[in-house]
Amino acid sequence: MKMFEYMAAGKPIVASNLPSIGEVLNEENALLVESDNPKMLAEGINKVLQNRDFSAKISHKAFNDVQSYSWHRRSGKVLSFIGDS
């Protein structure tokens, strides 16, 4: 749930490049860094702080992507599935 909140916040996301995170985040909507590597995390944070265009691009994409995970959309998918059964 936190990841969706981060995406909705409209701020750049720096996250570990893990399979579970990769189900939602990708190189277009976040900066993914090697997990358990503090140096890479620090470099990622510095990149989003120093590169405003990059930060704006991934933030905007994450915000747009998270719209498909809203409770309204999810409930619609569930109701559609139930109706098809």
PDB file of N, CA and C in Angstrom:
ATOM      1  N   MET A   1       0.821  -1.187   0.000  1.00  0.00           N
ATOM      2  CA  MET A   1       0.000   0.000   0.000  1.00  0.00           C
ATOM      3  C   MET A   1       0.872   1.260   0.000  1.00  0.00           C
ATOM      4  N   LYS A   2       1.981   1.211   0.688  1.00  0.00           N
ATOM      5  CA  LYS A   2       2.831   2.402   0.760  1.00  0.00           C
ATOM      6  C   LYS A   2       3.321   2.827  -0.615  1.00  0.00           C
ATOM      7  N   MET A   3       3.665   1.847  -1.439  1.00  0.00           N
ATOM      8  CA  MET A   3       4.178   2.170  -2.756  1.00  0.00           C
ATOM      9  C   MET A   3       3.149   2.970  -3.559  1.00  0.00           C
ATOM     10  N   PHE A   4       1.879   2.594  -3.449  1.00  0.00           N
ATOM     11  CA  PHE A   4       0.830   3.314  -4.176  1.00  0.00           C
ATOM     12  C   PHE A   4       0.666   4.725  -3.612  1.00  0.00           C
ATOM     13  N   GLU A   5       0.824   4.871  -2.312  1.00  0.00           N
ATOM     14  CA  GLU A   5       0.762   6.203  -1.700  1.00  0.00           C
ATOM     15  C   GLU A   5       1.921   7.064  -2.184  1.00  0.00           C
ATOM     16  N   TYR A   6       3.099   6.476  -2.282  1.00  0.00           N
ATOM     17  CA  TYR A   6       4.258   7.219  -2.783  1.00  0.00           C
ATOM     18  C   TYR A   6       4.008   7.672  -4.226  1.00  0.00           C
ATOM     19  N   MET A   7       3.470   6.782  -5.028  1.00  0.00           N
ATOM     20  CA  MET A   7       3.194   7.118  -6.418  1.00  0.00           C
ATOM     21  C   MET A   7       2.173   8.251  -6.517  1.00  0.00           C
ATOM     22  N   ALA A   8       1.159   8.211  -5.681  1.00  0.00           N
ATOM     23  CA  ALA A   8       0.111   9.224  -5.700  1.00  0.00           C
ATOM     24  C   ALA A   8       0.591  10.576  -5.170  1.00  0.00           C
ATOM     25  N   ALA A   9       1.682  10.569  -4.429  1.00  0.00           N
ATOM     26  CA  ALA A   9       2.189  11.808  -3.839  1.00  0.00           C
ATOM     27  C   ALA A   9       2.812  12.737  -4.877  1.00  0.00           C
ATOM     28  N   GLY A  10       3.131  12.219  -6.049  1.00  0.00           N
ATOM     29  CA  GLY A  10       3.704  13.061  -7.091  1.00  0.00           C
ATOM     30  C   GLY A  10       5.155  13.438  -6.855  1.00  0.00           C
ATOM     31  N   LYS A  11       5.842  12.661  -6.063  1.00  0.00           N
ATOM     32  CA  LYS A  11       7.262  12.894  -5.777  1.00  0.00           C
ATOM     33  C   LYS A  11       8.088  11.784  -6.419  1.00  0.00           C
ATOM     34  N   PRO A  12       9.365  12.051  -6.746  1.00  0.00           N
ATOM     35  CA  PRO A  12      10.180  10.990  -7.341  1.00  0.00           C
ATOM     36  C   PRO A  12      10.423   9.860  -6.339  1.00  0.00           C
ATOM     37  N   ILE A  13      10.410   8.652  -6.849  1.00  0.00           N
ATOM     38  CA  ILE A  13      10.588   7.468  -6.015  1.00  0.00           C
ATOM     39  C   ILE A  13      11.940   6.829  -6.322  1.00  0.00           C
ATOM     40  N   VAL A  14      12.699   6.568  -5.261  1.00  0.00           N
ATOM     41  CA  VAL A  14      13.936   5.793  -5.352  1.00  0.00           C
ATOM     42  C   VAL A  14      13.654   4.521  -4.571  1.00  0.00           C
ATOM     43  N   ALA A  15      13.720   3.371  -5.246  1.00  0.00           N
ATOM     44  CA  ALA A  15      13.344   2.107  -4.613  1.00  0.00           C
ATOM     45  C   ALA A  15      14.327   1.007  -4.986  1.00  0.00           C
ATOM     46  N   SER A  16      14.340  -0.027  -4.167  1.00  0.00           N
ATOM     47  CA  SER A  16      15.169  -1.199  -4.454  1.00  0.00           C
ATOM     48  C   SER A  16      14.619  -1.940  -5.656  1.00  0.00           C
ATOM     49  N   ASN A  17      15.520  -2.429  -6.462  1.00  0.00           N
ATOM     50  CA  ASN A  17      15.137  -3.173  -7.655  1.00  0.00           C
ATOM     51  C   ASN A  17      14.881  -4.637  -7.275  1.00  0.00           C
ATOM     52  N   LEU A  18      13.710  -4.873  -6.706  1.00  0.00           N
ATOM     53  CA  LEU A  18      13.300  -6.210  -6.277  1.00  0.00           C
ATOM     54  C   LEU A  18      12.129  -6.672  -7.127  1.00  0.00           C
ATOM     55  N   PRO A  19      11.979  -7.993  -7.333  1.00  0.00           N
ATOM     56  CA  PRO A  19      10.875  -8.489  -8.157  1.00  0.00           C
ATOM     57  C   PRO A  19       9.496  -8.006  -7.705  1.00  0.00           C
ATOM     58  N   SER A  20       9.238  -7.998  -6.416  1.00  0.00           N
ATOM     59  CA  SER A  20       7.915  -7.578  -5.936  1.00  0.00           C
ATOM     60  C   SER A  20       7.654  -6.104  -6.232  1.00  0.00           C
ATOM     61  N   ILE A  21       8.666  -5.279  -6.129  1.00  0.00           N
ATOM     62  CA  ILE A  21       8.524  -3.856  -6.441  1.00  0.00           C
ATOM     63  C   ILE A  21       8.404  -3.663  -7.941  1.00  0.00           C
ATOM     64  N   GLY A  22       9.118  -4.467  -8.691  1.00  0.00           N
ATOM     65  CA  GLY A  22       9.093  -4.383 -10.146  1.00  0.00           C
ATOM     66  C   GLY A  22       7.757  -4.733 -10.771  1.00  0.00           C
ATOM     67  N   GLU A  23       6.850  -5.291  -9.996  1.00  0.00           N
ATOM     68  CA  GLU A  23       5.509  -5.567 -10.520  1.00  0.00           C
ATOM     69  C   GLU A  23       4.740  -4.278 -10.771  1.00  0.00           C
ATOM     70  N   VAL A  24       5.134  -3.190 -10.104  1.00  0.00           N
ATOM     71  CA  VAL A  24       4.447  -1.910 -10.240  1.00  0.00           C
ATOM     72  C   VAL A  24       5.399  -0.812 -10.708  1.00  0.00           C
ATOM     73  N   LEU A  25       6.568  -0.751 -10.103  1.00  0.00           N
ATOM     74  CA  LEU A  25       7.534   0.282 -10.465  1.00  0.00           C
ATOM     75  C   LEU A  25       8.470  -0.218 -11.551  1.00  0.00           C
ATOM     76  N   ASN A  26       8.921   0.711 -12.383  1.00  0.00           N
ATOM     77  CA  ASN A  26       9.853   0.376 -13.449  1.00  0.00           C
ATOM     78  C   ASN A  26      10.739   1.586 -13.722  1.00  0.00           C
ATOM     79  N   GLU A  27      11.581   1.503 -14.722  1.00  0.00           N
ATOM     80  CA  GLU A  27      12.526   2.576 -15.006  1.00  0.00           C
ATOM     81  C   GLU A  27      11.850   3.838 -15.533  1.00  0.00           C
ATOM     82  N   GLU A  28      10.581   3.745 -15.890  1.00  0.00           N
ATOM     83  CA  GLU A  28       9.861   4.920 -16.387  1.00  0.00           C
ATOM     84  C   GLU A  28       9.178   5.700 -15.273  1.00  0.00           C
ATOM     85  N   ASN A  29       8.876   5.041 -14.146  1.00  0.00           N
ATOM     86  CA  ASN A  29       8.131   5.726 -13.081  1.00  0.00           C
ATOM     87  C   ASN A  29       8.871   5.770 -11.739  1.00  0.00           C
ATOM     88  N   ALA A  30      10.116   5.322 -11.728  1.00  0.00           N
ATOM     89  CA  ALA A  30      10.903   5.341 -10.491  1.00  0.00           C
ATOM     90  C   ALA A  30      12.380   5.173 -10.841  1.00  0.00           C
ATOM     91  N   LEU A  31      13.214   5.450  -9.879  1.00  0.00           N
ATOM     92  CA  LEU A  31      14.634   5.150 -10.009  1.00  0.00           C
ATOM     93  C   LEU A  31      14.883   3.911  -9.167  1.00  0.00           C
ATOM     94  N   LEU A  32      15.160   2.806  -9.842  1.00  0.00           N
ATOM     95  CA  LEU A  32      15.389   1.539  -9.145  1.00  0.00           C
ATOM     96  C   LEU A  32      16.885   1.338  -8.940  1.00  0.00           C
ATOM     97  N   VAL A  33      17.247   1.010  -7.713  1.00  0.00           N
ATOM     98  CA  VAL A  33      18.660   0.820  -7.365  1.00  0.00           C
ATOM     99  C   VAL A  33      18.863  -0.573  -6.779  1.00  0.00           C
ATOM    100  N   GLU A  34      20.104  -0.998  -6.795  1.00  0.00           N
ATOM    101  CA  GLU A  34      20.469  -2.299  -6.238  1.00  0.00           C
ATOM    102  C   GLU A  34      20.072  -2.362  -4.758  1.00  0.00           C
ATOM    103  N   SER A  35      19.426  -3.446  -4.387  1.00  0.00           N
ATOM    104  CA  SER A  35      19.003  -3.579  -2.991  1.00  0.00           C
ATOM    105  C   SER A  35      20.200  -3.831  -2.084  1.00  0.00           C
ATOM    106  N   ASP A  36      20.045  -3.468  -0.812  1.00  0.00           N
ATOM    107  CA  ASP A  36      21.087  -3.653   0.195  1.00  0.00           C
ATOM    108  C   ASP A  36      22.419  -3.001  -0.185  1.00  0.00           C
ATOM    109  N   ASN A  37      22.323  -1.869  -0.894  1.00  0.00           N
ATOM    110  CA  ASN A  37      23.534  -1.156  -1.291  1.00  0.00           C
ATOM    111  C   ASN A  37      23.345   0.320  -0.946  1.00  0.00           C
ATOM    112  N   PRO A  38      23.787   0.720   0.255  1.00  0.00           N
ATOM    113  CA  PRO A  38      23.594   2.110   0.683  1.00  0.00           C
ATOM    114  C   PRO A  38      24.213   3.143  -0.260  1.00  0.00           C
ATOM    115  N   LYS A  39      25.336   2.799  -0.868  1.00  0.00           N
ATOM    116  CA  LYS A  39      25.986   3.735  -1.793  1.00  0.00           C
ATOM    117  C   LYS A  39      25.084   3.996  -2.999  1.00  0.00           C
ATOM    118  N   MET A  40      24.496   2.948  -3.550  1.00  0.00           N
ATOM    119  CA  MET A  40      23.604   3.115  -4.705  1.00  0.00           C
ATOM    120  C   MET A  40      22.349   3.899  -4.310  1.00  0.00           C
ATOM    121  N   LEU A  41      21.852   3.648  -3.120  1.00  0.00           N
ATOM    122  CA  LEU A  41      20.691   4.396  -2.637  1.00  0.00           C
ATOM    123  C   LEU A  41      21.023   5.879  -2.540  1.00  0.00           C
ATOM    124  N   ALA A  42      22.165   6.200  -1.972  1.00  0.00           N
ATOM    125  CA  ALA A  42      22.591   7.595  -1.846  1.00  0.00           C
ATOM    126  C   ALA A  42      22.756   8.243  -3.221  1.00  0.00           C
ATOM    127  N   GLU A  43      23.346   7.517  -4.147  1.00  0.00           N
ATOM    128  CA  GLU A  43      23.511   8.047  -5.504  1.00  0.00           C
ATOM    129  C   GLU A  43      22.147   8.284  -6.161  1.00  0.00           C
ATOM    130  N   GLY A  44      21.209   7.373  -5.936  1.00  0.00           N
ATOM    131  CA  GLY A  44      19.868   7.539  -6.492  1.00  0.00           C
ATOM    132  C   GLY A  44      19.169   8.757  -5.922  1.00  0.00           C
ATOM    133  N   ILE A  45      19.278   8.942  -4.635  1.00  0.00           N
ATOM    134  CA  ILE A  45      18.669  10.114  -3.989  1.00  0.00           C
ATOM    135  C   ILE A  45      19.299  11.392  -4.532  1.00  0.00           C
ATOM    136  N   ASN A  46      20.612  11.400  -4.656  1.00  0.00           N
ATOM    137  CA  ASN A  46      21.291  12.570  -5.215  1.00  0.00           C
ATOM    138  C   ASN A  46      20.831  12.847  -6.642  1.00  0.00           C
ATOM    139  N   LYS A  47      20.652  11.802  -7.423  1.00  0.00           N
ATOM    140  CA  LYS A  47      20.219  11.991  -8.811  1.00  0.00           C
ATOM    141  C   LYS A  47      18.857  12.662  -8.877  1.00  0.00           C
ATOM    142  N   VAL A  48      17.898  12.199  -8.090  1.00  0.00           N
ATOM    143  CA  VAL A  48      16.562  12.809  -8.168  1.00  0.00           C
ATOM    144  C   VAL A  48      16.565  14.224  -7.592  1.00  0.00           C
ATOM    145  N   LEU A  49      17.447  14.502  -6.648  1.00  0.00           N
ATOM    146  CA  LEU A  49      17.532  15.856  -6.094  1.00  0.00           C
ATOM    147  C   LEU A  49      18.201  16.833  -7.059  1.00  0.00           C
ATOM    148  N   GLN A  50      19.140  16.345  -7.836  1.00  0.00           N
ATOM    149  CA  GLN A  50      19.910  17.221  -8.717  1.00  0.00           C
ATOM    150  C   GLN A  50      19.342  17.334 -10.128  1.00  0.00           C
ATOM    151  N   ASN A  51      18.568  16.360 -10.563  1.00  0.00           N
ATOM    152  CA  ASN A  51      18.062  16.359 -11.935  1.00  0.00           C
ATOM    153  C   ASN A  51      16.544  16.568 -11.911  1.00  0.00           C
ATOM    154  N   ARG A  52      16.135  17.814 -11.933  1.00  0.00           N
ATOM    155  CA  ARG A  52      14.713  18.146 -11.811  1.00  0.00           C
ATOM    156  C   ARG A  52      13.873  17.615 -12.974  1.00  0.00           C
ATOM    157  N   ASP A  53      14.424  17.643 -14.179  1.00  0.00           N
ATOM    158  CA  ASP A  53      13.669  17.137 -15.332  1.00  0.00           C
ATOM    159  C   ASP A  53      13.394  15.643 -15.190  1.00  0.00           C
ATOM    160  N   PHE A  54      14.416  14.893 -14.813  1.00  0.00           N
ATOM    161  CA  PHE A  54      14.261  13.452 -14.598  1.00  0.00           C
ATOM    162  C   PHE A  54      13.256  13.182 -13.482  1.00  0.00           C
ATOM    163  N   SER A  55      13.386  13.912 -12.388  1.00  0.00           N
ATOM    164  CA  SER A  55      12.483  13.737 -11.249  1.00  0.00           C
ATOM    165  C   SER A  55      11.040  14.023 -11.638  1.00  0.00           C
ATOM    166  N   ALA A  56      10.837  15.102 -12.380  1.00  0.00           N
ATOM    167  CA  ALA A  56       9.481  15.456 -12.819  1.00  0.00           C
ATOM    168  C   ALA A  56       8.914  14.378 -13.746  1.00  0.00           C
ATOM    169  N   LYS A  57       9.750  13.857 -14.625  1.00  0.00           N
ATOM    170  CA  LYS A  57       9.309  12.829 -15.579  1.00  0.00           C
ATOM    171  C   LYS A  57       8.844  11.557 -14.858  1.00  0.00           C
ATOM    172  N   ILE A  58       9.663  11.047 -13.945  1.00  0.00           N
ATOM    173  CA  ILE A  58       9.277   9.794 -13.270  1.00  0.00           C
ATOM    174  C   ILE A  58       8.125  10.020 -12.290  1.00  0.00           C
ATOM    175  N   SER A  59       8.079  11.197 -11.678  1.00  0.00           N
ATOM    176  CA  SER A  59       6.982  11.503 -10.753  1.00  0.00           C
ATOM    177  C   SER A  59       5.656  11.552 -11.490  1.00  0.00           C
ATOM    178  N   HIS A  60       5.649  12.221 -12.622  1.00  0.00           N
ATOM    179  CA  HIS A  60       4.427  12.342 -13.428  1.00  0.00           C
ATOM    180  C   HIS A  60       3.965  10.963 -13.915  1.00  0.00           C
ATOM    181  N   LYS A  61       4.898  10.160 -14.388  1.00  0.00           N
ATOM    182  CA  LYS A  61       4.560   8.813 -14.875  1.00  0.00           C
ATOM    183  C   LYS A  61       4.016   7.948 -13.737  1.00  0.00           C
ATOM    184  N   ALA A  62       4.642   8.010 -12.563  1.00  0.00           N
ATOM    185  CA  ALA A  62       4.172   7.227 -11.413  1.00  0.00           C
ATOM    186  C   ALA A  62       2.759   7.656 -11.025  1.00  0.00           C
ATOM    187  N   PHE A  63       2.518   8.964 -11.013  1.00  0.00           N
ATOM    188  CA  PHE A  63       1.185   9.463 -10.662  1.00  0.00           C
ATOM    189  C   PHE A  63       0.146   8.963 -11.659  1.00  0.00           C
ATOM    190  N   ASN A  64       0.466   9.002 -12.938  1.00  0.00           N
ATOM    191  CA  ASN A  64      -0.468   8.495 -13.948  1.00  0.00           C
ATOM    192  C   ASN A  64      -0.677   6.991 -13.816  1.00  0.00           C
ATOM    193  N   ASP A  65       0.402   6.266 -13.573  1.00  0.00           N
ATOM    194  CA  ASP A  65       0.309   4.803 -13.453  1.00  0.00           C
ATOM    195  C   ASP A  65      -0.529   4.379 -12.251  1.00  0.00           C
ATOM    196  N   VAL A  66      -0.434   5.097 -11.146  1.00  0.00           N
ATOM    197  CA  VAL A  66      -1.137   4.688  -9.927  1.00  0.00           C
ATOM    198  C   VAL A  66      -2.656   4.836 -10.072  1.00  0.00           C
ATOM    199  N   GLN A  67      -3.094   5.613 -11.029  1.00  0.00           N
ATOM    200  CA  GLN A  67      -4.534   5.797 -11.217  1.00  0.00           C
ATOM    201  C   GLN A  67      -5.237   4.468 -11.547  1.00  0.00           C
ATOM    202  N   SER A  68      -4.526   3.551 -12.166  1.00  0.00           N
ATOM    203  CA  SER A  68      -5.135   2.263 -12.497  1.00  0.00           C
ATOM    204  C   SER A  68      -5.227   1.333 -11.291  1.00  0.00           C
ATOM    205  N   TYR A  69      -4.640   1.751 -10.163  1.00  0.00           N
ATOM    206  CA  TYR A  69      -4.695   0.949  -8.946  1.00  0.00           C
ATOM    207  C   TYR A  69      -5.645   1.533  -7.902  1.00  0.00           C
ATOM    208  N   SER A  70      -6.485   2.471  -8.288  1.00  0.00           N
ATOM    209  CA  SER A  70      -7.405   3.091  -7.334  1.00  0.00           C
ATOM    210  C   SER A  70      -8.452   2.079  -6.880  1.00  0.00           C
ATOM    211  N   TRP A  71      -9.033   2.335  -5.718  1.00  0.00           N
ATOM    212  CA  TRP A  71     -10.087   1.444  -5.213  1.00  0.00           C
ATOM    213  C   TRP A  71     -11.266   1.427  -6.172  1.00  0.00           C
ATOM    214  N   HIS A  72     -11.573   2.533  -6.776  1.00  0.00           N
ATOM    215  CA  HIS A  72     -12.686   2.610  -7.724  1.00  0.00           C
ATOM    216  C   HIS A  72     -12.433   1.693  -8.922  1.00  0.00           C
ATOM    217  N   ARG A  73     -11.248   1.770  -9.486  1.00  0.00           N
ATOM    218  CA  ARG A  73     -10.909   0.915 -10.636  1.00  0.00           C
ATOM    219  C   ARG A  73     -10.879  -0.553 -10.239  1.00  0.00           C
ATOM    220  N   ARG A  74     -10.296  -0.844  -9.087  1.00  0.00           N
ATOM    221  CA  ARG A  74     -10.208  -2.237  -8.643  1.00  0.00           C
ATOM    222  C   ARG A  74     -11.598  -2.824  -8.406  1.00  0.00           C
ATOM    223  N   SER A  75     -12.469  -2.047  -7.779  1.00  0.00           N
ATOM    224  CA  SER A  75     -13.825  -2.554  -7.528  1.00  0.00           C
ATOM    225  C   SER A  75     -14.555  -2.785  -8.847  1.00  0.00           C
ATOM    226  N   GLY A  76     -14.317  -1.922  -9.819  1.00  0.00           N
ATOM    227  CA  GLY A  76     -14.922  -2.118 -11.135  1.00  0.00           C
ATOM    228  C   GLY A  76     -14.465  -3.411 -11.784  1.00  0.00           C
ATOM    229  N   LYS A  77     -13.180  -3.726 -11.641  1.00  0.00           N
ATOM    230  CA  LYS A  77     -12.657  -4.977 -12.196  1.00  0.00           C
ATOM    231  C   LYS A  77     -13.271  -6.184 -11.497  1.00  0.00           C
ATOM    232  N   VAL A  78     -13.428  -6.110 -10.184  1.00  0.00           N
ATOM    233  CA  VAL A  78     -14.028  -7.206  -9.428  1.00  0.00           C
ATOM    234  C   VAL A  78     -15.477  -7.396  -9.850  1.00  0.00           C
ATOM    235  N   LEU A  79     -16.216  -6.321  -9.939  1.00  0.00           N
ATOM    236  CA  LEU A  79     -17.628  -6.412 -10.341  1.00  0.00           C
ATOM    237  C   LEU A  79     -17.765  -6.932 -11.759  1.00  0.00           C
ATOM    238  N   SER A  80     -16.870  -6.522 -12.620  1.00  0.00           N
ATOM    239  CA  SER A  80     -16.885  -7.017 -13.988  1.00  0.00           C
ATOM    240  C   SER A  80     -16.601  -8.522 -14.020  1.00  0.00           C
ATOM    241  N   PHE A  81     -15.652  -8.968 -13.210  1.00  0.00           N
ATOM    242  CA  PHE A  81     -15.327 -10.390 -13.130  1.00  0.00           C
ATOM    243  C   PHE A  81     -16.520 -11.180 -12.616  1.00  0.00           C
ATOM    244  N   ILE A  82     -17.164 -10.677 -11.580  1.00  0.00           N
ATOM    245  CA  ILE A  82     -18.321 -11.369 -11.001  1.00  0.00           C
ATOM    246  C   ILE A  82     -19.449 -11.438 -12.006  1.00  0.00           C
ATOM    247  N   GLY A  83     -19.658 -10.364 -12.742  1.00  0.00           N
ATOM    248  CA  GLY A  83     -20.720 -10.316 -13.745  1.00  0.00           C
ATOM    249  C   GLY A  83     -20.486 -11.290 -14.881  1.00  0.00           C
ATOM    250  N   ASP A  84     -19.203 -11.559 -15.196  1.00  0.00           N
ATOM    251  CA  ASP A  84     -18.865 -12.470 -16.279  1.00  0.00           C
ATOM    252  C   ASP A  84     -18.958 -13.924 -15.868  1.00  0.00           C
ATOM    253  N   SER A  85     -19.021 -14.180 -14.559  1.00  0.00           N
ATOM    254  CA  SER A  85     -19.011 -15.577 -14.087  1.00  0.00           C
ATOM    255  C   SER A  85     -20.362 -16.224 -14.194  1.00  0.00           C
TER     256      SER A  85
END
